[in-house]
Protein backbone atom coordinates (compact mmCIF):
# COMPACT_ATOMS: atom_id res chain seq x y z
CA MET A 1 19.66 -2.12 -5.05
CA GLN A 2 18.09 0.94 -3.50
CA ASP A 3 19.32 1.80 -0.02
CA PHE A 4 16.98 1.29 2.90
CA LEU A 5 16.59 1.46 6.67
CA VAL A 6 15.16 -1.27 8.91
CA PHE A 7 13.75 -0.22 12.25
CA ASP A 8 12.26 -1.66 15.44
CA LEU A 9 11.82 -0.50 19.01
CA GLU A 10 10.95 -1.87 22.42
CA THR A 11 8.86 -0.01 24.98
CA GLN A 12 9.17 0.91 28.63
CA ARG A 13 5.52 0.19 29.42
CA SER A 14 2.85 -2.29 28.36
CA ALA A 15 -0.65 -1.50 27.14
CA LEU A 16 -1.91 -2.42 30.60
CA ASP A 17 0.52 0.04 32.19
CA VAL A 18 -0.80 2.96 30.12
CA GLY A 19 -4.51 2.16 30.21
CA GLY A 20 -4.99 0.29 26.95
CA TRP A 21 -4.06 0.26 23.28
CA ASP A 22 -5.54 3.71 22.71
CA HIS A 23 -2.56 5.15 24.62
CA ILE A 24 0.39 3.74 22.66
CA PRO A 25 2.23 7.11 22.66
CA GLU A 26 2.51 6.85 26.45
CA MET A 27 4.47 3.59 26.30
CA ARG A 28 7.77 5.37 25.60
CA MET A 29 10.78 3.75 23.98
CA SER A 30 13.33 1.78 25.98
CA VAL A 31 15.51 0.93 22.97
CA GLY A 32 15.28 1.58 19.25
CA VAL A 33 17.56 -0.09 16.72
CA LEU A 34 18.01 0.97 13.11
CA TYR A 35 19.96 -0.79 10.35
CA ASP A 36 21.22 1.50 7.59
CA SER A 37 22.15 -0.21 4.33
CA ARG A 38 24.15 2.83 3.25
CA ASP A 39 26.97 1.86 5.60
CA GLN A 40 25.67 -1.60 6.58
CA SER A 41 25.69 -0.59 10.25
CA PHE A 42 23.33 -0.88 13.22
CA TYR A 43 22.51 2.18 15.31
CA ASP A 44 21.15 1.98 18.85
CA TYR A 45 18.94 4.72 20.29
CA TYR A 46 17.62 5.13 23.81
CA ASP A 47 14.84 7.12 25.48
CA THR A 48 16.62 10.47 25.49
CA GLN A 49 17.70 9.99 21.86
CA ALA A 50 14.23 9.56 20.36
CA PHE A 51 14.52 12.65 18.16
CA ASP A 52 17.92 11.49 16.90
CA LEU A 53 16.21 8.27 15.82
CA ILE A 54 13.42 10.25 14.15
CA ALA A 55 16.02 12.31 12.26
CA HIS A 56 17.79 9.14 11.10
CA LEU A 57 14.51 7.63 9.94
CA SER A 58 13.74 10.81 8.02
CA SER A 59 17.10 10.66 6.23
CA GLY A 60 16.52 7.35 4.48
CA PRO A 61 15.07 6.58 1.06
CA LEU A 62 12.90 3.76 2.47
CA VAL A 63 11.98 2.66 6.01
CA ILE A 64 11.16 -1.03 6.48
CA GLY A 65 9.59 -2.48 9.60
CA TYR A 66 7.07 -4.97 10.93
CA ASN A 67 3.94 -3.21 12.20
CA HIS A 68 5.95 -0.02 12.49
CA LEU A 69 3.32 2.16 10.83
CA SER A 70 0.67 1.50 13.47
CA PHE A 71 2.78 0.73 16.53
CA ASP A 72 6.39 1.94 16.51
CA TYR A 73 5.60 5.31 14.93
CA SER A 74 2.78 5.81 17.44
CA VAL A 75 5.28 5.24 20.26
CA LEU A 76 7.64 7.82 18.76
CA SER A 77 4.82 10.33 18.37
CA GLY A 78 4.58 10.38 22.17
CA TYR A 79 7.84 12.33 22.35
CA ALA A 80 6.15 15.38 20.86
CA PRO A 81 3.95 17.73 22.90
CA LEU A 82 0.36 16.50 22.99
CA GLU A 83 -0.86 19.06 20.46
CA GLU A 84 1.92 18.12 18.01
CA ARG A 85 1.68 14.32 18.17
CA ALA A 86 -0.68 13.96 15.22
CA GLN A 87 1.64 16.11 13.11
CA LEU A 88 4.69 14.02 14.01
CA LEU A 89 2.83 10.78 13.33
CA ALA A 90 1.72 12.10 9.93
CA ARG A 91 5.31 13.10 9.16
CA LEU A 92 6.60 9.60 9.98
CA THR A 93 3.87 7.69 8.15
CA GLY A 94 4.39 10.05 5.21
CA LEU A 95 7.96 8.81 4.75
CA ARG A 96 8.60 6.16 2.12
CA ASN A 97 7.61 3.12 4.18
CA LEU A 98 7.31 -0.60 3.63
CA ASP A 99 5.49 -2.30 6.50
CA LEU A 100 5.97 -6.03 5.95
CA LEU A 101 3.06 -6.89 8.24
CA VAL A 102 0.70 -4.75 6.15
CA SER A 103 2.10 -6.17 2.92
CA ILE A 104 1.59 -9.77 4.04
CA LYS A 105 -1.86 -9.04 5.47
CA GLU A 106 -2.94 -7.61 2.12
CA LYS A 107 -1.96 -10.93 0.53
CA ILE A 108 -3.45 -13.42 3.00
CA GLY A 109 -6.15 -11.42 4.74
CA LYS A 110 -4.86 -11.71 8.29
CA ARG A 111 -2.11 -10.53 10.60
CA ILE A 112 0.62 -13.01 11.49
CA LYS A 113 3.54 -12.85 13.86
CA LEU A 114 7.00 -12.04 12.57
CA ASP A 115 8.28 -15.29 14.07
CA ASP A 116 5.76 -17.29 12.01
CA LEU A 117 7.41 -15.88 8.88
CA VAL A 118 11.09 -15.97 9.76
CA ARG A 119 11.10 -19.56 11.05
CA PRO A 120 9.96 -21.22 7.80
CA THR A 121 11.42 -18.60 5.44
CA LEU A 122 14.85 -18.10 6.98
CA GLY A 123 15.23 -21.01 9.40
CA ALA A 124 15.73 -18.39 12.10
CA ALA A 125 13.81 -17.52 15.24
CA LYS A 126 13.29 -14.59 17.54
CA SER A 127 15.41 -14.78 20.67
CA ALA A 128 12.68 -13.48 23.01
CA ASP A 129 9.46 -11.48 22.87
CA GLY A 130 8.21 -8.02 23.69
CA LEU A 131 6.74 -9.04 27.05
CA LEU A 132 10.10 -10.39 28.19
CA ALA A 133 11.75 -7.16 27.03
CA LEU A 134 9.33 -5.24 29.26
CA GLU A 135 10.38 -7.37 32.23
CA TRP A 136 14.03 -6.73 31.42
CA TYR A 137 13.34 -3.00 31.41
CA ARG A 138 11.73 -3.23 34.84
CA GLN A 139 14.85 -5.03 36.06
CA TYR A 140 16.98 -2.27 34.52
CA LEU A 141 15.01 0.36 36.46
CA GLU A 142 15.61 -1.66 39.62
CA GLY A 143 19.35 -1.32 39.14
CA GLU A 144 20.39 -4.18 36.85
CA ALA A 145 22.25 -2.06 34.30
CA GLY A 146 23.07 -5.00 32.03
CA MET A 147 19.40 -5.49 31.21
CA LEU A 148 19.40 -2.49 28.87
CA GLU A 149 22.08 -4.09 26.71
CA LYS A 150 20.07 -7.32 26.76
CA ILE A 151 17.05 -5.45 25.37
CA THR A 152 19.29 -3.83 22.76
CA GLU A 153 20.62 -7.21 21.61
CA TYR A 154 17.08 -8.59 21.35
CA CYS A 155 15.87 -5.56 19.40
CA ARG A 156 18.89 -5.76 17.08
CA GLN A 157 18.10 -9.41 16.39
CA ASP A 158 14.54 -8.45 15.45
CA VAL A 159 15.88 -5.83 13.06
CA THR A 160 18.24 -8.41 11.56
CA VAL A 161 15.53 -10.97 10.84
CA THR A 162 13.21 -8.27 9.48
CA ARG A 163 15.98 -7.12 7.13
CA ASP A 164 16.73 -10.69 6.05
CA LEU A 165 13.03 -11.42 5.50
CA PHE A 166 12.78 -8.36 3.26
CA LEU A 167 15.90 -9.32 1.30
CA HIS A 168 14.63 -12.89 0.87
CA GLY A 169 11.29 -11.66 -0.43
CA LYS A 170 12.94 -9.14 -2.72
CA THR A 171 15.30 -11.77 -4.15
CA HIS A 172 12.93 -14.73 -4.43
CA GLY A 173 9.57 -13.02 -4.80
CA LYS A 174 8.04 -15.09 -2.01
CA VAL A 175 8.12 -15.85 1.70
CA SER A 176 6.64 -18.69 3.73
CA TYR A 177 4.55 -18.91 6.87
CA LEU A 178 2.99 -21.60 9.02
CA ASP A 179 -0.78 -21.71 8.50
CA LYS A 180 -2.75 -23.50 11.21
CA GLU A 181 -4.94 -25.28 8.65
CA ARG A 182 -2.74 -25.63 5.57
CA GLY A 183 0.67 -25.96 7.19
CA LEU A 184 3.65 -24.47 5.38
CA THR A 185 2.31 -21.90 2.92
CA GLU A 186 4.11 -19.70 0.40
CA VAL A 187 3.10 -16.10 -0.25
CA ALA A 188 4.15 -14.22 -3.38
CA VAL A 189 5.44 -10.73 -2.60
CA ASP A 190 6.31 -7.82 -4.86
CA TRP A 191 8.62 -5.95 -2.53
CA PRO A 192 11.06 -4.97 -5.31
CA GLY A 193 8.43 -2.38 -6.30
CA LEU A 194 9.22 -0.58 -3.03
CA GLY A 195 5.86 1.16 -3.00
CA ALA A 196 4.88 3.15 0.06
CA LEU A 197 2.30 1.23 2.07
CA GLY A 198 -0.15 3.04 4.30
CA HIS A 199 -1.91 2.02 7.48
CA ASP A 200 -3.71 -1.27 7.83
CA PRO A 201 -7.00 -0.60 6.00
CA GLU A 202 -8.93 -1.91 9.00
CA GLY A 203 -7.05 0.45 11.29
CA THR A 204 -6.14 -2.32 13.69
CA MET A 205 -3.92 -1.34 16.62
CA GLN A 206 -3.76 -4.65 18.40
CA LEU A 207 -1.11 -6.39 20.44
CA PRO A 208 2.07 -5.71 18.45
CA LEU A 209 3.12 -8.79 16.52
CA PHE A 210 6.82 -8.48 17.25
């Protein structure tokens, strides 16, 4: 099987904090976690290590994420000077990427939360959510040092379930999700093709579906 990276990050600020979803680059990263199949290891990156994370992402044959093309990469672009942000974003989205959210949306015509896929497909669940991670970061800034590790553990768990969702789809050719009208629904996926997927064709930058 081809080697791959799986990536997710949490932010320091919410959309409300930065003046809306048009200002994602201003959210800044609190924690980024990357899984590298080449050595089967997890790597943790923090605010001052954003460019180390970018270098690691650039080293891989394939980057897998969940809404990382529209959201996570936009956050990372904020570490470049204002006049260079578009160039950095283009560099990241130009990597060989597989955004599972985009892939699923192309199949079913709508965006769904990661948790709505991993629960029925893997029997797993997210341990928290992005809003709680923001509160933990505020507590970290107030002096509770252990909160940063708590965010890291949460982000690592998100990376783990994203990796396992990808591997399940690659192995079985399908994943499942909970549809409000039809209940448990299977979706055929062709992830073994490992094609590079671009931005959501509708250009949606909505509340990140972590």
